[in-house]
């Protein structure tokens, strides 16, 4: 079994998504954790892509001005900038 943190976070996301729902707050938190970890581990493009998918779901679930939505938007902007400079 691969014990790499990204692999474990991916497993966690899949388990929570399956057990709860794709739009459950715990699923969104696991998604956020995975995206942030991947970016910090040196994959800003993957982080950007995950946050690109996450933001509209956060907006639908929490609303546009909810702190979790605003954090996801901030992370998306951050990883977009980091990904652009890593081309």
Protein backbone atom coordinates (compact mmCIF):
# COMPACT_ATOMS: atom_id res chain seq x y z
CA UNK A 1 0.00 0.00 0.00
CA UNK A 2 1.29 3.45 -0.94
CA UNK A 3 1.56 5.57 2.23
CA UNK A 4 2.43 8.82 0.42
CA UNK A 5 0.37 11.69 1.91
CA UNK A 6 -1.20 12.62 -1.43
CA UNK A 7 -2.30 9.03 -1.93
CA UNK A 8 -3.83 8.94 1.56
CA UNK A 9 -5.61 12.25 0.99
CA UNK A 10 -6.96 10.96 -2.34
CA UNK A 11 -8.24 7.83 -0.60
CA UNK A 12 -9.85 9.95 2.10
CA UNK A 13 -11.58 12.12 -0.50
CA UNK A 14 -12.90 9.09 -2.37
CA UNK A 15 -14.16 7.44 0.84
CA UNK A 16 -15.91 10.57 2.11
CA UNK A 17 -17.39 11.30 -1.32
CA UNK A 18 -18.76 7.76 -1.52
CA UNK A 19 -20.04 7.64 2.07
CA UNK A 20 -21.60 11.09 2.20
CA UNK A 21 -22.01 12.90 -1.13
CA UNK A 22 -19.90 14.94 -3.56
CA UNK A 23 -21.36 18.15 -2.15
CA UNK A 24 -21.19 17.34 1.58
CA UNK A 25 -19.09 19.84 3.59
CA UNK A 26 -16.75 17.04 4.76
CA UNK A 27 -16.18 16.03 1.13
CA UNK A 28 -15.43 19.63 0.19
CA UNK A 29 -12.96 19.88 3.08
CA UNK A 30 -11.19 16.67 1.98
CA UNK A 31 -11.08 18.00 -1.60
CA UNK A 32 -9.55 21.26 -0.35
CA UNK A 33 -6.95 19.39 1.72
CA UNK A 34 -5.90 17.26 -1.25
CA UNK A 35 -5.62 20.25 -3.59
CA UNK A 36 -3.62 22.28 -1.09
CA UNK A 37 -1.28 19.37 -0.34
CA UNK A 38 -0.63 18.71 -4.02
CA UNK A 39 0.19 22.37 -4.61
CA UNK A 40 2.52 22.52 -1.64
CA UNK A 41 4.15 19.27 -2.77
CA UNK A 42 5.11 20.87 -6.07
CA UNK A 43 2.13 20.31 -8.37
CA UNK A 44 0.53 23.76 -8.70
CA UNK A 45 -1.29 22.82 -11.90
CA UNK A 46 -3.09 19.94 -10.25
CA UNK A 47 -3.95 22.17 -7.27
CA UNK A 48 -5.28 24.79 -9.68
CA UNK A 49 -7.39 22.21 -11.49
CA UNK A 50 -8.84 20.80 -8.28
CA UNK A 51 -9.70 24.27 -6.95
CA UNK A 52 -11.21 25.17 -10.34
CA UNK A 53 -13.63 22.28 -9.87
CA UNK A 54 -14.16 22.93 -6.15
CA UNK A 55 -15.08 26.63 -6.20
CA UNK A 56 -18.42 26.34 -8.07
CA UNK A 57 -19.52 23.52 -5.78
CA UNK A 58 -18.63 25.57 -2.71
CA UNK A 59 -20.63 28.46 -4.14
CA UNK A 60 -23.65 26.23 -4.67
CA UNK A 61 -23.42 24.47 -1.29
CA UNK A 62 -22.32 27.32 0.98
CA UNK A 63 -23.14 30.47 -0.96
CA UNK A 64 -20.85 33.01 -2.58
CA UNK A 65 -19.88 34.83 0.60
CA UNK A 66 -19.35 31.88 2.95
CA UNK A 67 -15.85 31.77 4.47
CA UNK A 68 -15.14 28.32 2.96
CA UNK A 69 -16.11 29.58 -0.50
CA UNK A 70 -13.96 32.68 -0.11
CA UNK A 71 -11.02 30.54 1.02
CA UNK A 72 -11.43 28.23 -1.98
CA UNK A 73 -11.52 31.26 -4.31
CA UNK A 74 -8.39 32.63 -2.71
CA UNK A 75 -6.63 29.27 -3.09
CA UNK A 76 -7.72 29.08 -6.74
CA UNK A 77 -6.24 32.50 -7.45
CA UNK A 78 -3.04 31.59 -5.62
CA UNK A 79 -2.55 28.30 -7.48
CA UNK A 80 -3.45 29.85 -10.82
CA UNK A 81 -0.61 32.32 -10.31
CA UNK A 82 1.81 29.61 -9.15
CA UNK A 83 0.89 27.32 -12.06
CA UNK A 84 1.40 30.10 -14.59
CA UNK A 85 4.98 30.66 -13.45
CA UNK A 86 5.79 26.95 -13.53
CA UNK A 87 5.06 26.44 -17.25
